[in-house]
Amino acid sequence: MIDCLVIGAGVVGLACARELALQGREVVIVEASADIGFGISSRNSEVIHAGIYYPTGSLKARLCLEGKRLLYDYAATRSVAHRRCGKLIVATENSQVDALEGILKKAHANGVSDLRAIASPEAIAKEPALSCVAALESPSTGIIDSHGLMLALLGEAQDHGAMLARLSVVQSLTPASDAGWQLELTIIDQTQLTWAGNAVTKLSALPGEKHQFHAKQVVNAAGLGANRIAALIPGMPKANQPPLYFAKGNYFSLAARCPFSRLIYPLPNEAGLGVHLTLDLAGQGRFGPDVEWVDKENYDVDPQRCESFYAEIRSYWPGLPEGSLQASYAGIRPKLQAPGEAAQDFRIEGPEQHGFPGLVQLLGIESPGLTACLAIAKEVASALRQGSS
């Protein structure tokens, strides 16, 4: 029997695997894609969020704040490339100033102590290309190499005995009669599994082969596939397998020198944080995400969407040169709310929520999931301990 099986090798799944491996657990990670982080984790802004926007008392607010501290410490300790560049949240017209003040109050209620209001002249002195009537400055916002982070998490987990099986799709997940979980996996390409313990010591798997395994505990960290995994479980309450909505976000990069040294965010909208300016670690500017509700995974970027980007960006950067945006990449946020509905919190559900011992489900883990990954992992480990006591 495998001690603990983690479904999904994105940044959250890898953080969970690391946390469990550090506790001496035998951990196996199964991933449907050819490598780690193919989904949400490699298609985002790579921002370390400060914990500003989320409802007070929510998991997003609490785990973002804790995760930010853990992530900066981890990146420094493990030499993961990152930079605490700071961010300005801007009001571009007087009618937005009250909303800016509301964000400041919410951030302070969440425990974000370093966010401060600054007047337009100070903001423009910091970023001369900026246009705004007021701003908030967040000095603890940063950026990180997400792939470097995932490699560090995987490496540390493997150093403590964890193993990764790629190209392995979970086809069934059933409570076992003698406790634990019975899983059936389909191998979708030729791969080599080297699982330890009483499960599999060495298995050459061919495409289409199916294999069954027994796991004591399971963490469903499958990202966009997490709701599908929940629906596989016989008897899972409908309340614990909510519908999933795909909010595609397109990004465009700046084909010119970026005049900003900080991230620039407009006021958030109903589905996200608006078309904002982020920087990569080389200083290149990129803009996004917008919101495009889709019914399946599709990462193509329509170049025509850049027309709406120009108008939004020029509200805070009037000098954006014509023709300087080029299609870059797209990501998909796993939303638990339909278009127009109120934003939902993370759902980290253990036996107390769904009634199944030895199972923790992670549903709707969107932004700030990257920032919160290490804090989420601690939450998952705690839920597994409580569920086994």
Protein backbone atom coordinates (compact mmCIF):
# COMPACT_ATOMS: atom_id res chain seq x y z
CA MET A 1 0.00 0.00 0.00
CA ILE A 2 1.21 3.50 -0.85
CA ASP A 3 1.22 5.72 2.23
CA CYS A 4 0.13 8.97 0.57
CA LEU A 5 -0.69 9.62 -3.06
CA VAL A 6 -0.86 13.16 -4.45
CA ILE A 7 -2.80 13.67 -7.67
CA GLY A 8 -1.35 16.57 -9.66
CA ALA A 9 2.20 17.88 -10.08
CA GLY A 10 1.45 21.57 -10.28
CA VAL A 11 2.92 23.97 -7.75
CA VAL A 12 0.29 23.14 -5.09
CA GLY A 13 0.55 19.38 -5.55
CA LEU A 14 4.35 19.55 -5.40
CA ALA A 15 4.21 21.73 -2.28
CA CYS A 16 1.91 19.16 -0.66
CA ALA A 17 4.21 16.30 -1.66
CA ARG A 18 7.21 18.13 -0.22
CA GLU A 19 5.44 18.90 3.05
CA LEU A 20 4.33 15.28 3.50
CA ALA A 21 7.74 13.89 2.53
CA LEU A 22 9.44 16.18 5.05
CA GLN A 23 7.19 14.63 7.69
CA GLY A 24 8.56 11.21 6.84
CA ARG A 25 5.59 10.07 4.75
CA GLU A 26 6.03 7.77 1.74
CA VAL A 27 4.69 9.93 -1.09
CA VAL A 28 3.89 9.17 -4.72
CA ILE A 29 2.83 11.96 -7.10
CA VAL A 30 0.84 11.09 -10.23
CA GLU A 31 0.62 13.56 -13.08
CA ALA A 32 -1.39 13.24 -16.29
CA SER A 33 0.91 15.49 -18.33
CA ALA A 34 4.39 14.80 -19.63
CA ASP A 35 6.03 16.98 -16.99
CA ILE A 36 5.37 19.07 -13.92
CA GLY A 37 3.40 22.31 -14.02
CA PHE A 38 1.87 21.98 -17.50
CA GLY A 39 -1.42 23.60 -16.47
CA ILE A 40 -2.27 26.53 -14.21
CA SER A 41 1.17 26.66 -12.60
CA SER A 42 3.04 27.56 -15.79
CA ARG A 43 0.42 29.92 -17.21
CA ASN A 44 0.07 32.83 -14.80
CA SER A 45 1.61 36.17 -13.91
CA GLU A 46 4.23 34.64 -11.56
CA VAL A 47 3.35 37.27 -8.97
CA ILE A 48 3.92 36.88 -5.24
CA HIS A 49 0.75 38.50 -3.95
CA ALA A 50 0.59 40.52 -0.74
CA GLY A 51 -2.89 39.39 0.42
CA ILE A 52 -4.69 42.63 -0.35
CA TYR A 53 -7.95 41.88 -2.13
CA TYR A 54 -9.53 38.84 -0.50
CA PRO A 55 -12.49 38.82 1.92
CA THR A 56 -11.37 39.12 5.53
CA GLY A 57 -11.35 35.73 7.23
CA SER A 58 -11.28 33.79 3.95
CA LEU A 59 -8.81 31.03 3.20
CA LYS A 60 -7.47 33.13 0.34
CA ALA A 61 -6.68 36.02 2.67
CA ARG A 62 -5.15 33.92 5.44
CA LEU A 63 -3.17 31.51 3.27
CA CYS A 64 -1.92 34.25 0.93
CA LEU A 65 -0.49 36.24 3.83
CA GLU A 66 1.12 33.18 5.43
CA GLY A 67 2.20 31.81 2.05
CA LYS A 68 3.91 35.06 1.05
CA ARG A 69 6.14 34.89 4.12
CA LEU A 70 6.89 31.21 3.60
CA LEU A 71 7.52 31.65 -0.13
CA TYR A 72 10.01 34.51 0.23
CA ASP A 73 11.90 32.52 2.85
CA TYR A 74 11.84 29.37 0.74
CA ALA A 75 12.96 31.14 -2.44
CA ALA A 76 15.89 32.70 -0.61
CA THR A 77 16.89 29.44 1.07
CA ARG A 78 16.61 27.30 -2.07
CA SER A 79 18.02 29.94 -4.47
CA VAL A 80 14.82 30.22 -6.50
CA ALA A 81 14.98 33.36 -8.66
CA HIS A 82 12.64 36.05 -7.38
CA ARG A 83 12.46 39.80 -6.78
CA ARG A 84 10.52 41.91 -4.29
CA CYS A 85 9.78 44.61 -6.87
CA GLY A 86 6.65 46.14 -5.33
CA LYS A 87 3.35 47.11 -6.90
CA LEU A 88 1.19 50.17 -7.42
CA ILE A 89 -2.61 49.83 -7.51
CA VAL A 90 -3.90 52.88 -9.32
CA ALA A 91 -7.06 54.93 -9.61
CA THR A 92 -7.11 56.57 -13.01
CA GLU A 93 -10.11 58.82 -12.40
CA ASN A 94 -11.60 60.51 -9.34
CA SER A 95 -14.64 58.22 -9.27
CA GLN A 96 -12.30 55.32 -8.38
CA VAL A 97 -10.69 56.86 -5.31
CA ASP A 98 -13.33 55.53 -2.89
CA ALA A 99 -12.76 52.01 -4.23
CA LEU A 100 -9.04 52.44 -3.66
CA GLU A 101 -9.70 53.41 -0.05
CA GLY A 102 -11.90 50.33 0.33
CA ILE A 103 -9.04 48.10 -0.84
CA LEU A 104 -6.73 49.75 1.70
CA LYS A 105 -9.17 49.08 4.56
CA LYS A 106 -9.67 45.46 3.50
CA ALA A 107 -5.91 44.89 3.25
CA HIS A 108 -5.34 46.27 6.75
CA ALA A 109 -8.16 44.08 8.08
CA ASN A 110 -6.41 41.09 6.48
CA GLY A 111 -3.18 41.90 8.30
CA VAL A 112 -1.33 43.50 5.39
CA SER A 113 0.50 46.19 7.32
CA ASP A 114 2.78 47.63 4.64
CA LEU A 115 0.18 48.79 2.09
CA ARG A 116 -0.11 52.58 2.04
CA ALA A 117 -1.94 55.26 0.12
CA ILE A 118 0.16 57.68 -1.90
CA ALA A 119 -0.84 60.79 -3.81
CA SER A 120 -0.54 61.08 -7.57
CA PRO A 121 2.70 63.16 -7.54
CA GLU A 122 4.51 60.56 -5.42
CA ALA A 123 3.29 57.68 -7.59
CA ILE A 124 4.39 59.45 -10.76
CA ALA A 125 7.74 60.33 -9.21
CA LYS A 126 8.27 56.60 -8.63
CA GLU A 127 7.01 55.65 -12.11
CA PRO A 128 7.25 58.65 -14.49
CA ALA A 129 5.38 56.90 -17.32
CA LEU A 130 2.34 56.38 -15.08
CA SER A 131 -0.91 58.31 -15.18
CA CYS A 132 -3.16 58.20 -12.10
CA VAL A 133 -5.06 60.38 -9.64
CA ALA A 134 -4.16 58.27 -6.57
CA ALA A 135 -2.46 54.96 -5.79
CA LEU A 136 -1.69 52.33 -3.21
CA GLU A 137 1.88 51.11 -2.82
CA SER A 138 2.52 47.47 -1.93
CA PRO A 139 6.25 47.02 -1.27
CA SER A 140 5.97 43.31 -0.43
CA THR A 141 4.50 42.26 -3.79
CA GLY A 142 7.04 40.43 -5.92
CA ILE A 143 7.69 38.06 -8.81
CA ILE A 144 9.13 34.55 -8.89
CA ASP A 145 10.35 31.97 -11.38
CA SER A 146 7.43 29.54 -11.09
CA HIS A 147 9.18 26.71 -12.92
CA GLY A 148 12.28 27.13 -10.79
CA LEU A 149 10.05 26.98 -7.73
CA MET A 150 8.41 23.75 -8.91
CA LEU A 151 11.78 22.15 -9.63
CA ALA A 152 12.94 23.07 -6.13
CA LEU A 153 9.79 21.64 -4.53
CA LEU A 154 10.04 18.42 -6.53
CA GLY A 155 13.76 18.08 -5.84
CA GLU A 156 13.30 18.49 -2.11
CA ALA A 157 10.38 16.06 -2.07
CA GLN A 158 12.44 13.50 -3.97
CA ASP A 159 15.39 14.04 -1.63
CA HIS A 160 13.05 12.86 1.13
CA GLY A 161 11.83 9.82 -0.76
CA ALA A 162 8.90 11.07 -2.84
CA MET A 163 8.44 9.69 -6.35
CA LEU A 164 6.80 11.10 -9.46
CA ALA A 165 4.87 9.14 -12.11
CA ARG A 166 4.19 11.22 -15.23
CA LEU A 167 1.66 10.51 -17.97
CA SER A 168 -0.60 8.69 -15.53
CA VAL A 169 -4.33 9.45 -15.59
CA VAL A 170 -6.58 8.56 -12.66
CA GLN A 171 -9.56 6.64 -14.04
CA SER A 172 -11.20 5.60 -10.78
CA LEU A 173 -10.88 6.45 -7.10
CA THR A 174 -12.83 4.26 -4.71
CA PRO A 175 -12.80 3.79 -0.92
CA ALA A 176 -11.22 0.40 -0.23
CA SER A 177 -13.08 -2.16 1.86
CA ASP A 178 -10.10 -2.50 4.22
CA ALA A 179 -9.55 1.29 4.58
CA GLY A 180 -7.61 3.53 2.29
CA TRP A 181 -8.26 4.08 -1.41
CA GLN A 182 -8.23 1.94 -4.52
CA LEU A 183 -7.05 3.73 -7.67
CA GLU A 184 -6.91 2.73 -11.29
CA LEU A 185 -4.43 4.57 -13.50
CA THR A 186 -4.09 4.53 -17.26
CA ILE A 187 -0.60 5.02 -18.64
CA ILE A 188 -0.96 7.31 -21.66
CA ASP A 189 2.60 6.99 -22.95
CA GLN A 190 5.55 4.72 -22.38
CA THR A 191 7.09 5.55 -19.05
CA GLN A 192 9.07 4.04 -16.23
CA LEU A 193 7.52 3.98 -12.77
CA THR A 194 9.83 3.41 -9.83
CA TRP A 195 7.55 3.38 -6.83
CA ALA A 196 8.79 2.09 -3.51
CA GLY A 197 7.31 0.29 -0.53
CA ASN A 198 4.79 -2.48 -1.05
CA ALA A 199 3.31 -0.92 -4.18
CA VAL A 200 5.61 -1.08 -7.21
CA THR A 201 9.37 -1.31 -7.09
CA LYS A 202 9.92 -1.10 -10.84
CA LEU A 203 7.37 -1.19 -13.61
CA SER A 204 7.86 -0.64 -17.30
CA ALA A 205 4.49 0.70 -18.40
CA LEU A 206 3.30 0.83 -21.98
CA PRO A 207 0.71 3.16 -23.51
CA GLY A 208 -2.86 2.20 -22.64
CA GLU A 209 -1.92 -0.11 -19.79
CA LYS A 210 -4.09 0.08 -16.69
CA HIS A 211 -2.78 -0.47 -13.18
CA GLN A 212 -4.47 -0.56 -9.82
CA PHE A 213 -2.94 0.67 -6.59
CA HIS A 214 -3.92 0.95 -2.97
CA ALA A 215 -3.16 4.18 -1.09
CA LYS A 216 -3.67 4.91 2.58
CA GLN A 217 -4.36 8.61 1.94
CA VAL A 218 -5.02 10.72 -1.16
CA VAL A 219 -4.60 14.42 -1.89
CA ASN A 220 -6.61 15.64 -4.88
CA ALA A 221 -4.52 18.56 -6.15
CA ALA A 222 -5.37 18.10 -9.82
CA GLY A 223 -6.07 21.77 -10.57
CA LEU A 224 -8.40 22.02 -13.56
CA GLY A 225 -9.02 18.29 -13.20
CA ALA A 226 -9.77 18.30 -9.46
CA ASN A 227 -13.55 18.48 -9.91
CA ARG A 228 -13.40 15.53 -12.32
CA ILE A 229 -11.52 13.51 -9.72
CA ALA A 230 -14.12 14.39 -7.07
CA ALA A 231 -16.89 13.18 -9.39
CA LEU A 232 -15.19 9.78 -9.74
CA ILE A 233 -15.70 8.94 -6.06
CA PRO A 234 -18.81 6.83 -5.44
CA GLY A 235 -21.06 8.48 -2.88
CA MET A 236 -19.28 11.84 -2.90
CA PRO A 237 -21.93 14.39 -1.85
CA LYS A 238 -23.01 16.72 -4.62
CA ALA A 239 -22.10 19.67 -2.43
CA ASN A 240 -18.49 18.49 -2.52
CA GLN A 241 -18.27 18.21 -6.30
CA PRO A 242 -19.23 21.72 -7.41
CA PRO A 243 -19.40 22.72 -11.07
CA LEU A 244 -16.24 24.22 -12.50
CA TYR A 245 -16.09 27.26 -14.79
CA PHE A 246 -13.06 28.01 -16.97
CA ALA A 247 -11.98 31.67 -16.98
CA LYS A 248 -9.36 31.95 -19.67
CA GLY A 249 -6.88 34.77 -19.31
CA ASN A 250 -4.86 35.98 -22.30
CA TYR A 251 -1.49 37.70 -21.98
CA PHE A 252 0.29 40.04 -24.36
CA SER A 253 3.97 40.93 -24.06
CA LEU A 254 5.53 44.31 -24.73
CA ALA A 255 7.77 44.33 -27.79
CA ALA A 256 9.65 47.37 -26.53
CA ARG A 257 11.58 48.50 -23.48
CA CYS A 258 9.36 48.61 -20.43
CA PRO A 259 9.54 51.97 -18.61
CA PHE A 260 8.26 50.57 -15.29
CA SER A 261 10.21 48.99 -12.43
CA ARG A 262 7.12 48.00 -10.41
CA LEU A 263 3.99 46.07 -11.21
CA ILE A 264 1.04 48.30 -12.11
CA TYR A 265 -2.51 47.16 -11.33
CA PRO A 266 -5.78 48.90 -12.16
CA LEU A 267 -8.77 48.37 -9.88
CA PRO A 268 -10.00 44.76 -9.86
CA ASN A 269 -13.07 43.69 -11.81
CA GLU A 270 -15.73 41.05 -11.19
CA ALA A 271 -13.60 38.13 -12.44
CA GLY A 272 -10.05 39.10 -11.53
CA LEU A 273 -7.52 41.83 -10.98
CA GLY A 274 -7.88 43.50 -14.35
CA VAL A 275 -5.38 43.84 -17.21
CA HIS A 276 -2.29 44.67 -15.23
CA LEU A 277 1.36 45.16 -16.02
CA THR A 278 3.73 42.55 -14.64
CA LEU A 279 7.41 42.06 -15.22
CA ASP A 280 9.44 38.95 -15.71
CA LEU A 281 12.77 38.54 -13.97
CA ALA A 282 14.56 39.95 -17.03
CA GLY A 283 12.46 43.12 -16.84
CA GLN A 284 10.25 42.47 -19.88
CA GLY A 285 6.74 43.83 -19.55
CA ARG A 286 3.65 41.72 -20.08
CA PHE A 287 -0.02 42.52 -19.73
CA GLY A 288 -2.98 40.42 -18.66
CA PRO A 289 -4.99 38.56 -17.96
CA ASP A 290 -8.28 39.53 -19.50
CA VAL A 291 -11.34 37.34 -18.92
CA GLU A 292 -12.69 34.99 -21.58
CA TRP A 293 -15.14 32.37 -20.32
CA VAL A 294 -14.59 29.09 -22.18
CA ASP A 295 -15.99 25.57 -21.89
CA LYS A 296 -12.76 23.60 -22.40
CA GLU A 297 -9.01 23.96 -22.22
CA ASN A 298 -7.70 26.02 -25.10
CA TYR A 299 -4.52 28.04 -24.77
CA ASP A 300 -4.46 29.76 -28.16
CA VAL A 301 -4.28 33.55 -27.96
CA ASP A 302 -6.36 35.46 -30.49
CA PRO A 303 -4.21 38.43 -31.62
CA GLN A 304 -7.39 40.47 -32.17
CA ARG A 305 -7.97 40.61 -28.42
CA CYS A 306 -5.07 43.02 -28.07
CA GLU A 307 -7.31 45.86 -29.30
CA SER A 308 -9.18 45.92 -25.99
CA PHE A 309 -5.84 45.72 -24.15
CA TYR A 310 -4.63 49.00 -25.61
CA ALA A 311 -7.57 50.95 -24.21
CA GLU A 312 -7.28 49.43 -20.74
CA ILE A 313 -3.51 49.85 -20.51
CA ARG A 314 -3.59 53.44 -21.78
CA SER A 315 -5.85 54.37 -18.87
CA TYR A 316 -2.72 54.14 -16.68
CA TRP A 317 0.04 54.27 -19.32
CA PRO A 318 -0.99 56.78 -22.02
CA GLY A 319 2.36 56.42 -23.72
CA LEU A 320 1.91 52.79 -24.74
CA PRO A 321 3.20 52.73 -28.33
CA GLU A 322 0.83 51.61 -31.05
CA GLY A 323 1.66 48.13 -32.36
CA SER A 324 3.86 47.25 -29.39
CA LEU A 325 1.77 44.37 -28.02
CA GLN A 326 2.25 40.83 -29.24
CA ALA A 327 0.35 37.68 -28.35
CA SER A 328 2.18 35.75 -25.65
CA TYR A 329 0.34 32.98 -23.77
CA ALA A 330 -2.92 32.11 -22.02
CA GLY A 331 -3.91 30.46 -18.78
CA ILE A 332 -7.17 29.18 -17.32
CA ARG A 333 -8.42 29.93 -13.81
CA PRO A 334 -10.59 27.21 -12.22
CA LYS A 335 -13.57 29.23 -11.02
CA LEU A 336 -16.22 27.80 -8.71
CA GLN A 337 -18.61 30.62 -9.61
CA ALA A 338 -20.41 31.17 -12.89
CA PRO A 339 -19.93 34.42 -14.83
CA GLY A 340 -21.54 37.27 -12.90
CA GLU A 341 -21.65 35.42 -9.56
CA ALA A 342 -19.72 36.43 -6.45
CA ALA A 343 -16.15 35.13 -6.18
CA GLN A 344 -15.71 31.91 -4.24
CA ASP A 345 -13.04 31.01 -1.70
CA PHE A 346 -10.55 28.16 -1.91
CA ARG A 347 -12.13 24.85 -0.92
CA ILE A 348 -9.79 22.62 1.08
CA GLU A 349 -12.02 19.74 2.08
CA GLY A 350 -11.08 16.92 4.41
CA PRO A 351 -13.15 14.18 6.07
CA GLU A 352 -15.05 16.74 8.18
CA GLN A 353 -16.46 18.28 5.00
CA HIS A 354 -17.10 15.25 2.76
CA GLY A 355 -17.11 12.27 5.14
CA PHE A 356 -14.36 10.18 3.49
CA PRO A 357 -11.37 9.29 5.74
CA GLY A 358 -7.92 9.77 4.24
CA LEU A 359 -8.92 12.21 1.50
CA VAL A 360 -8.26 15.92 1.07
CA GLN A 361 -9.64 17.73 -1.95
CA LEU A 362 -8.39 21.07 -3.27
CA LEU A 363 -11.06 22.75 -5.39
CA GLY A 364 -11.04 26.18 -7.02
CA ILE A 365 -7.35 26.79 -6.32
CA GLU A 366 -6.75 29.80 -8.52
CA SER A 367 -4.91 33.02 -7.67
CA PRO A 368 -3.33 33.41 -5.12
CA GLY A 369 -2.56 29.68 -5.26
CA LEU A 370 1.05 30.18 -6.36
CA THR A 371 1.74 32.56 -3.48
CA ALA A 372 -0.14 30.39 -0.99
CA CYS A 373 1.22 26.99 -2.11
CA LEU A 374 3.40 26.33 0.95
CA ALA A 375 0.66 27.46 3.34
CA ILE A 376 -1.90 25.31 1.49
CA ALA A 377 0.45 22.34 1.90
CA LYS A 378 0.54 22.84 5.66
CA GLU A 379 -3.26 23.03 5.71
CA VAL A 380 -3.49 19.77 3.76
CA ALA A 381 -1.03 17.98 6.05
CA SER A 382 -3.03 19.13 9.08
CA ALA A 383 -6.30 17.90 7.56
CA LEU A 384 -4.76 14.48 6.84
CA ARG A 385 -3.52 14.22 10.44
CA GLN A 386 -6.93 15.14 11.82
CA GLY A 387 -8.64 12.70 9.50
CA SER A 388 -6.47 9.81 10.69
CA SER A 389 -6.82 10.50 14.43
